[in-house]
Amino acid sequence: MPPVTSCPVRSAEEVNEQIRGLWLRTGGRLSAEQRSEYALLVTEWADAMRAELRRAVVEAA
């Protein structure tokens, strides 16, 4: 079985920019489809933040 590889994680800053762009494009009102996209982006942002914090802790140690 081939090894499982994960997709590269975007930085929290990159994901946050996409979230901001979504809000700007929609004028602050999200359709059901856009709310789903927003939920995925927020989850990705939180994952990226956790990864960045872990890296910072490891580097500080």
PDB file of N, CA and C in Angstrom:
ATOM      1  N   MET A   1       0.860  -1.179   0.000  1.00  0.00           N
ATOM      2  CA  MET A   1       0.000   0.000   0.000  1.00  0.00           C
ATOM      3  C   MET A   1       0.899   1.232   0.000  1.00  0.00           C
ATOM      4  N   PRO A   2       0.631   2.202  -0.891  1.00  0.00           N
ATOM      5  CA  PRO A   2       1.466   3.407  -0.925  1.00  0.00           C
ATOM      6  C   PRO A   2       1.249   4.248   0.322  1.00  0.00           C
ATOM      7  N   PRO A   3       2.275   5.006   0.718  1.00  0.00           N
ATOM      8  CA  PRO A   3       2.128   5.856   1.904  1.00  0.00           C
ATOM      9  C   PRO A   3       1.088   6.942   1.671  1.00  0.00           C
ATOM     10  N   VAL A   4       0.423   7.292   2.727  1.00  0.00           N
ATOM     11  CA  VAL A   4      -0.578   8.360   2.664  1.00  0.00           C
ATOM     12  C   VAL A   4       0.144   9.691   2.805  1.00  0.00           C
ATOM     13  N   THR A   5      -0.098  10.571   1.863  1.00  0.00           N
ATOM     14  CA  THR A   5       0.508  11.904   1.951  1.00  0.00           C
ATOM     15  C   THR A   5      -0.597  12.929   2.088  1.00  0.00           C
ATOM     16  N   SER A   6      -0.323  13.942   2.854  1.00  0.00           N
ATOM     17  CA  SER A   6      -1.330  14.984   3.039  1.00  0.00           C
ATOM     18  C   SER A   6      -1.040  16.136   2.082  1.00  0.00           C
ATOM     19  N   CYS A   7      -2.048  16.858   1.764  1.00  0.00           N
ATOM     20  CA  CYS A   7      -1.892  18.029   0.911  1.00  0.00           C
ATOM     21  C   CYS A   7      -1.150  19.104   1.697  1.00  0.00           C
ATOM     22  N   PRO A   8      -0.379  19.908   1.004  1.00  0.00           N
ATOM     23  CA  PRO A   8       0.287  20.998   1.716  1.00  0.00           C
ATOM     24  C   PRO A   8      -0.756  21.911   2.364  1.00  0.00           C
ATOM     25  N   VAL A   9      -0.459  22.317   3.554  1.00  0.00           N
ATOM     26  CA  VAL A   9      -1.381  23.173   4.285  1.00  0.00           C
ATOM     27  C   VAL A   9      -1.053  24.625   3.952  1.00  0.00           C
ATOM     28  N   ARG A  10      -2.072  25.369   3.580  1.00  0.00           N
ATOM     29  CA  ARG A  10      -1.865  26.795   3.334  1.00  0.00           C
ATOM     30  C   ARG A  10      -1.705  27.493   4.676  1.00  0.00           C
ATOM     31  N   SER A  11      -1.063  28.641   4.636  1.00  0.00           N
ATOM     32  CA  SER A  11      -0.894  29.404   5.874  1.00  0.00           C
ATOM     33  C   SER A  11      -2.241  29.980   6.300  1.00  0.00           C
ATOM     34  N   ALA A  12      -2.344  30.258   7.583  1.00  0.00           N
ATOM     35  CA  ALA A  12      -3.560  30.879   8.106  1.00  0.00           C
ATOM     36  C   ALA A  12      -3.799  32.216   7.422  1.00  0.00           C
ATOM     37  N   GLU A  13      -2.722  32.923   7.121  1.00  0.00           N
ATOM     38  CA  GLU A  13      -2.847  34.220   6.445  1.00  0.00           C
ATOM     39  C   GLU A  13      -3.466  34.060   5.055  1.00  0.00           C
ATOM     40  N   GLU A  14      -3.035  33.040   4.319  1.00  0.00           N
ATOM     41  CA  GLU A  14      -3.595  32.805   2.984  1.00  0.00           C
ATOM     42  C   GLU A  14      -5.086  32.475   3.051  1.00  0.00           C
ATOM     43  N   VAL A  15      -5.447  31.614   3.986  1.00  0.00           N
ATOM     44  CA  VAL A  15      -6.853  31.225   4.122  1.00  0.00           C
ATOM     45  C   VAL A  15      -7.681  32.418   4.575  1.00  0.00           C
ATOM     46  N   ASN A  16      -7.136  33.213   5.491  1.00  0.00           N
ATOM     47  CA  ASN A  16      -7.849  34.393   5.966  1.00  0.00           C
ATOM     48  C   ASN A  16      -8.117  35.360   4.815  1.00  0.00           C
ATOM     49  N   GLU A  17      -7.155  35.501   3.914  1.00  0.00           N
ATOM     50  CA  GLU A  17      -7.360  36.366   2.748  1.00  0.00           C
ATOM     51  C   GLU A  17      -8.513  35.861   1.895  1.00  0.00           C
ATOM     52  N   GLN A  18      -8.606  34.545   1.738  1.00  0.00           N
ATOM     53  CA  GLN A  18      -9.704  33.987   0.958  1.00  0.00           C
ATOM     54  C   GLN A  18     -11.042  34.211   1.661  1.00  0.00           C
ATOM     55  N   ILE A  19     -11.054  34.095   2.984  1.00  0.00           N
ATOM     56  CA  ILE A  19     -12.277  34.356   3.751  1.00  0.00           C
ATOM     57  C   ILE A  19     -12.699  35.815   3.572  1.00  0.00           C
ATOM     58  N   ARG A  20     -11.746  36.717   3.696  1.00  0.00           N
ATOM     59  CA  ARG A  20     -12.059  38.144   3.512  1.00  0.00           C
ATOM     60  C   ARG A  20     -12.594  38.410   2.111  1.00  0.00           C
ATOM     61  N   GLY A  21     -11.969  37.775   1.117  1.00  0.00           N
ATOM     62  CA  GLY A  21     -12.428  37.945  -0.256  1.00  0.00           C
ATOM     63  C   GLY A  21     -13.853  37.458  -0.442  1.00  0.00           C
ATOM     64  N   LEU A  22     -14.174  36.340   0.181  1.00  0.00           N
ATOM     65  CA  LEU A  22     -15.541  35.812   0.100  1.00  0.00           C
ATOM     66  C   LEU A  22     -16.534  36.825   0.659  1.00  0.00           C
ATOM     67  N   TRP A  23     -16.233  37.369   1.826  1.00  0.00           N
ATOM     68  CA  TRP A  23     -17.136  38.351   2.435  1.00  0.00           C
ATOM     69  C   TRP A  23     -17.258  39.602   1.570  1.00  0.00           C
ATOM     70  N   LEU A  24     -16.142  40.049   0.993  1.00  0.00           N
ATOM     71  CA  LEU A  24     -16.185  41.245   0.146  1.00  0.00           C
ATOM     72  C   LEU A  24     -17.001  41.002  -1.113  1.00  0.00           C
ATOM     73  N   ARG A  25     -16.800  39.844  -1.749  1.00  0.00           N
ATOM     74  CA  ARG A  25     -17.531  39.531  -2.984  1.00  0.00           C
ATOM     75  C   ARG A  25     -19.030  39.440  -2.755  1.00  0.00           C
ATOM     76  N   THR A  26     -19.418  38.996  -1.582  1.00  0.00           N
ATOM     77  CA  THR A  26     -20.841  38.766  -1.321  1.00  0.00           C
ATOM     78  C   THR A  26     -21.517  39.942  -0.629  1.00  0.00           C
ATOM     79  N   GLY A  27     -20.763  40.955  -0.300  1.00  0.00           N
ATOM     80  CA  GLY A  27     -21.355  42.088   0.403  1.00  0.00           C
ATOM     81  C   GLY A  27     -21.815  41.730   1.806  1.00  0.00           C
ATOM     82  N   GLY A  28     -21.237  40.679   2.376  1.00  0.00           N
ATOM     83  CA  GLY A  28     -21.574  40.305   3.749  1.00  0.00           C
ATOM     84  C   GLY A  28     -22.788  39.406   3.884  1.00  0.00           C
ATOM     85  N   ARG A  29     -23.361  38.990   2.752  1.00  0.00           N
ATOM     86  CA  ARG A  29     -24.532  38.099   2.786  1.00  0.00           C
ATOM     87  C   ARG A  29     -24.185  36.829   2.029  1.00  0.00           C
ATOM     88  N   LEU A  30     -24.159  35.712   2.743  1.00  0.00           N
ATOM     89  CA  LEU A  30     -23.755  34.450   2.134  1.00  0.00           C
ATOM     90  C   LEU A  30     -24.962  33.576   1.785  1.00  0.00           C
ATOM     91  N   SER A  31     -24.929  33.000   0.584  1.00  0.00           N
ATOM     92  CA  SER A  31     -25.941  32.016   0.199  1.00  0.00           C
ATOM     93  C   SER A  31     -25.628  30.715   0.941  1.00  0.00           C
ATOM     94  N   ALA A  32     -26.492  29.740   0.796  1.00  0.00           N
ATOM     95  CA  ALA A  32     -26.260  28.445   1.448  1.00  0.00           C
ATOM     96  C   ALA A  32     -24.954  27.833   0.950  1.00  0.00           C
ATOM     97  N   GLU A  33     -24.697  27.907  -0.341  1.00  0.00           N
ATOM     98  CA  GLU A  33     -23.464  27.359  -0.903  1.00  0.00           C
ATOM     99  C   GLU A  33     -22.245  28.117  -0.373  1.00  0.00           C
ATOM    100  N   GLN A  34     -22.361  29.419  -0.284  1.00  0.00           N
ATOM    101  CA  GLN A  34     -21.258  30.235   0.224  1.00  0.00           C
ATOM    102  C   GLN A  34     -21.030  29.991   1.711  1.00  0.00           C
ATOM    103  N   ARG A  35     -22.087  29.729   2.467  1.00  0.00           N
ATOM    104  CA  ARG A  35     -21.924  29.400   3.884  1.00  0.00           C
ATOM    105  C   ARG A  35     -21.153  28.094   4.039  1.00  0.00           C
ATOM    106  N   SER A  36     -21.417  27.144   3.147  1.00  0.00           N
ATOM    107  CA  SER A  36     -20.672  25.885   3.173  1.00  0.00           C
ATOM    108  C   SER A  36     -19.202  26.139   2.875  1.00  0.00           C
ATOM    109  N   GLU A  37     -18.933  26.963   1.878  1.00  0.00           N
ATOM    110  CA  GLU A  37     -17.549  27.318   1.543  1.00  0.00           C
ATOM    111  C   GLU A  37     -16.888  28.019   2.728  1.00  0.00           C
ATOM    112  N   TYR A  38     -17.610  28.942   3.364  1.00  0.00           N
ATOM    113  CA  TYR A  38     -17.089  29.672   4.518  1.00  0.00           C
ATOM    114  C   TYR A  38     -16.746  28.707   5.658  1.00  0.00           C
ATOM    115  N   ALA A  39     -17.633  27.748   5.913  1.00  0.00           N
ATOM    116  CA  ALA A  39     -17.393  26.783   6.988  1.00  0.00           C
ATOM    117  C   ALA A  39     -16.126  25.973   6.712  1.00  0.00           C
ATOM    118  N   LEU A  40     -15.930  25.558   5.467  1.00  0.00           N
ATOM    119  CA  LEU A  40     -14.720  24.817   5.114  1.00  0.00           C
ATOM    120  C   LEU A  40     -13.480  25.689   5.285  1.00  0.00           C
ATOM    121  N   LEU A  41     -13.582  26.952   4.881  1.00  0.00           N
ATOM    122  CA  LEU A  41     -12.448  27.861   5.009  1.00  0.00           C
ATOM    123  C   LEU A  41     -12.097  28.116   6.472  1.00  0.00           C
ATOM    124  N   VAL A  42     -13.101  28.300   7.306  1.00  0.00           N
ATOM    125  CA  VAL A  42     -12.839  28.545   8.732  1.00  0.00           C
ATOM    126  C   VAL A  42     -12.176  27.324   9.366  1.00  0.00           C
ATOM    127  N   THR A  43     -12.615  26.131   8.984  1.00  0.00           N
ATOM    128  CA  THR A  43     -11.993  24.909   9.486  1.00  0.00           C
ATOM    129  C   THR A  43     -10.547  24.822   9.017  1.00  0.00           C
ATOM    130  N   GLU A  44     -10.312  25.131   7.738  1.00  0.00           N
ATOM    131  CA  GLU A  44      -8.942  25.121   7.211  1.00  0.00           C
ATOM    132  C   GLU A  44      -8.084  26.162   7.933  1.00  0.00           C
ATOM    133  N   TRP A  45      -8.653  27.339   8.194  1.00  0.00           N
ATOM    134  CA  TRP A  45      -7.919  28.397   8.895  1.00  0.00           C
ATOM    135  C   TRP A  45      -7.524  27.932  10.299  1.00  0.00           C
ATOM    136  N   ALA A  46      -8.478  27.310  11.007  1.00  0.00           N
ATOM    137  CA  ALA A  46      -8.197  26.835  12.369  1.00  0.00           C
ATOM    138  C   ALA A  46      -7.105  25.768  12.352  1.00  0.00           C
ATOM    139  N   ASP A  47      -7.156  24.859  11.382  1.00  0.00           N
ATOM    140  CA  ASP A  47      -6.115  23.838  11.256  1.00  0.00           C
ATOM    141  C   ASP A  47      -4.759  24.476  10.997  1.00  0.00           C
ATOM    142  N   ALA A  48      -4.742  25.473  10.116  1.00  0.00           N
ATOM    143  CA  ALA A  48      -3.485  26.167   9.796  1.00  0.00           C
ATOM    144  C   ALA A  48      -2.946  26.896  11.019  1.00  0.00           C
ATOM    145  N   MET A  49      -3.820  27.518  11.794  1.00  0.00           N
ATOM    146  CA  MET A  49      -3.378  28.209  13.011  1.00  0.00           C
ATOM    147  C   MET A  49      -2.756  27.231  13.996  1.00  0.00           C
ATOM    148  N   ARG A  50      -3.417  26.073  14.184  1.00  0.00           N
ATOM    149  CA  ARG A  50      -2.873  25.058  15.095  1.00  0.00           C
ATOM    150  C   ARG A  50      -1.499  24.593  14.620  1.00  0.00           C
ATOM    151  N   ALA A  51      -1.365  24.352  13.320  1.00  0.00           N
ATOM    152  CA  ALA A  51      -0.078  23.907  12.775  1.00  0.00           C
ATOM    153  C   ALA A  51       0.995  24.972  12.975  1.00  0.00           C
ATOM    154  N   GLU A  52       0.645  26.223  12.755  1.00  0.00           N
ATOM    155  CA  GLU A  52       1.608  27.313  12.934  1.00  0.00           C
ATOM    156  C   GLU A  52       2.018  27.457  14.399  1.00  0.00           C
ATOM    157  N   LEU A  53       1.064  27.297  15.301  1.00  0.00           N
ATOM    158  CA  LEU A  53       1.382  27.373  16.726  1.00  0.00           C
ATOM    159  C   LEU A  53       2.283  26.218  17.149  1.00  0.00           C
ATOM    160  N   ARG A  54       1.991  25.000  16.636  1.00  0.00           N
ATOM    161  CA  ARG A  54       2.843  23.859  16.951  1.00  0.00           C
ATOM    162  C   ARG A  54       4.262  24.096  16.473  1.00  0.00           C
ATOM    163  N   ARG A  55       4.427  24.582  15.247  1.00  0.00           N
ATOM    164  CA  ARG A  55       5.755  24.857  14.713  1.00  0.00           C
ATOM    165  C   ARG A  55       6.473  25.886  15.574  1.00  0.00           C
ATOM    166  N   ALA A  56       5.757  26.919  16.002  1.00  0.00           N
ATOM    167  CA  ALA A  56       6.373  27.971  16.824  1.00  0.00           C
ATOM    168  C   ALA A  56       6.841  27.398  18.160  1.00  0.00           C
ATOM    169  N   VAL A  57       6.046  26.522  18.759  1.00  0.00           N
ATOM    170  CA  VAL A  57       6.418  25.923  20.037  1.00  0.00           C
ATOM    171  C   VAL A  57       7.646  25.038  19.870  1.00  0.00           C
ATOM    172  N   VAL A  58       7.684  24.257  18.804  1.00  0.00           N
ATOM    173  CA  VAL A  58       8.820  23.373  18.560  1.00  0.00           C
ATOM    174  C   VAL A  58      10.081  24.209  18.316  1.00  0.00           C
ATOM    175  N   GLU A  59       9.964  25.263  17.543  1.00  0.00           N
ATOM    176  CA  GLU A  59      11.122  26.111  17.260  1.00  0.00           C
ATOM    177  C   GLU A  59      11.617  26.830  18.511  1.00  0.00           C
ATOM    178  N   ALA A  60      10.704  27.149  19.419  1.00  0.00           N
ATOM    179  CA  ALA A  60      11.083  27.856  20.639  1.00  0.00           C
ATOM    180  C   ALA A  60      11.742  26.917  21.667  1.00  0.00           C
ATOM    181  N   ALA A  61      11.490  25.647  21.518  1.00  0.00           N
ATOM    182  CA  ALA A  61      12.031  24.675  22.491  1.00  0.00           C
ATOM    183  C   ALA A  61      13.510  24.429  22.310  1.00  0.00           C
TER     184      ALA A  61
END
